[in-house]
Amino acid sequence: MSDVVDMDSRRRREAAPVSDFWFAQVDLRLGRIEGMLERLERQVWLFVWAALAILVIEALRALAGV
């Protein structure tokens, strides 16, 4: 059984460290993307609420007979 290797006695290699600068750049870009998506979501909701307000106003005008 010379093909069997004892895993506990083998020296384990640690993962190569990744630069903090790279993570900072990724975080910065993801933060900008998230901010842009939040602004887009606010604009979409603004348009939805404006359209609903116009619809309600027109419905009230139709019911009032103006």
Protein backbone atom coordinates (compact mmCIF):
# COMPACT_ATOMS: atom_id res chain seq x y z
CA MET A 1 0.00 0.00 0.00
CA SER A 2 2.65 2.52 -0.96
CA ASP A 3 0.08 4.59 -2.87
CA VAL A 4 -1.74 5.68 0.29
CA VAL A 5 -0.76 9.13 1.58
CA ASP A 6 -1.42 10.24 5.13
CA MET A 7 -3.20 13.59 4.72
CA ASP A 8 -2.53 14.79 8.27
CA SER A 9 1.20 14.61 7.90
CA ARG A 10 1.27 16.56 4.64
CA ARG A 11 1.98 20.23 4.93
CA ARG A 12 -1.02 22.26 3.81
CA ARG A 13 -0.50 25.29 1.65
CA GLU A 14 -2.38 28.42 2.56
CA ALA A 15 -4.34 30.28 -0.07
CA ALA A 16 -2.47 33.05 -1.77
CA PRO A 17 -3.33 36.42 -0.23
CA VAL A 18 -5.37 38.73 -2.42
CA SER A 19 -4.59 42.41 -2.48
CA ASP A 20 -6.77 44.63 -0.29
CA PHE A 21 -6.54 47.26 -3.02
CA TRP A 22 -8.37 44.95 -5.44
CA PHE A 23 -11.15 44.36 -2.91
CA ALA A 24 -11.40 48.10 -2.29
CA GLN A 25 -11.81 48.75 -6.02
CA VAL A 26 -14.49 46.06 -6.31
CA ASP A 27 -16.33 47.47 -3.29
CA LEU A 28 -16.16 50.99 -4.71
CA ARG A 29 -17.55 49.93 -8.08
CA LEU A 30 -20.28 47.78 -6.53
CA GLY A 31 -21.22 50.70 -4.30
CA ARG A 32 -21.55 52.97 -7.32
CA ILE A 33 -23.67 50.40 -9.15
CA GLU A 34 -25.91 49.99 -6.11
CA GLY A 35 -26.31 53.76 -5.82
CA MET A 36 -27.22 54.02 -9.48
CA LEU A 37 -29.80 51.24 -9.13
CA GLU A 38 -31.33 52.94 -6.09
CA ARG A 39 -31.71 56.20 -8.03
CA LEU A 40 -33.24 54.32 -10.95
CA GLU A 41 -35.68 52.57 -8.62
CA ARG A 42 -36.72 55.91 -7.10
CA GLN A 43 -37.31 57.36 -10.57
CA VAL A 44 -39.40 54.37 -11.63
CA TRP A 45 -41.55 54.63 -8.48
CA LEU A 46 -41.90 58.38 -9.07
CA PHE A 47 -43.23 57.71 -12.58
CA VAL A 48 -45.59 55.01 -11.29
CA TRP A 49 -47.01 57.27 -8.56
CA ALA A 50 -47.34 60.18 -11.03
CA ALA A 51 -49.21 57.97 -13.49
CA LEU A 52 -51.52 56.74 -10.73
CA ALA A 53 -52.15 60.31 -9.57
CA ILE A 54 -53.06 61.38 -13.10
CA LEU A 55 -55.34 58.35 -13.42
CA VAL A 56 -57.11 59.20 -10.16
CA ILE A 57 -57.52 62.83 -11.16
CA GLU A 58 -58.98 61.85 -14.53
CA ALA A 59 -61.32 59.35 -12.87
CA LEU A 60 -62.54 62.01 -10.45
CA ARG A 61 -63.06 64.44 -13.33
CA ALA A 62 -65.03 61.81 -15.21
CA LEU A 63 -67.20 61.07 -12.17
CA ALA A 64 -67.77 64.77 -11.52
CA GLY A 65 -68.78 65.31 -15.15
CA VAL A 66 -66.32 68.13 -15.79
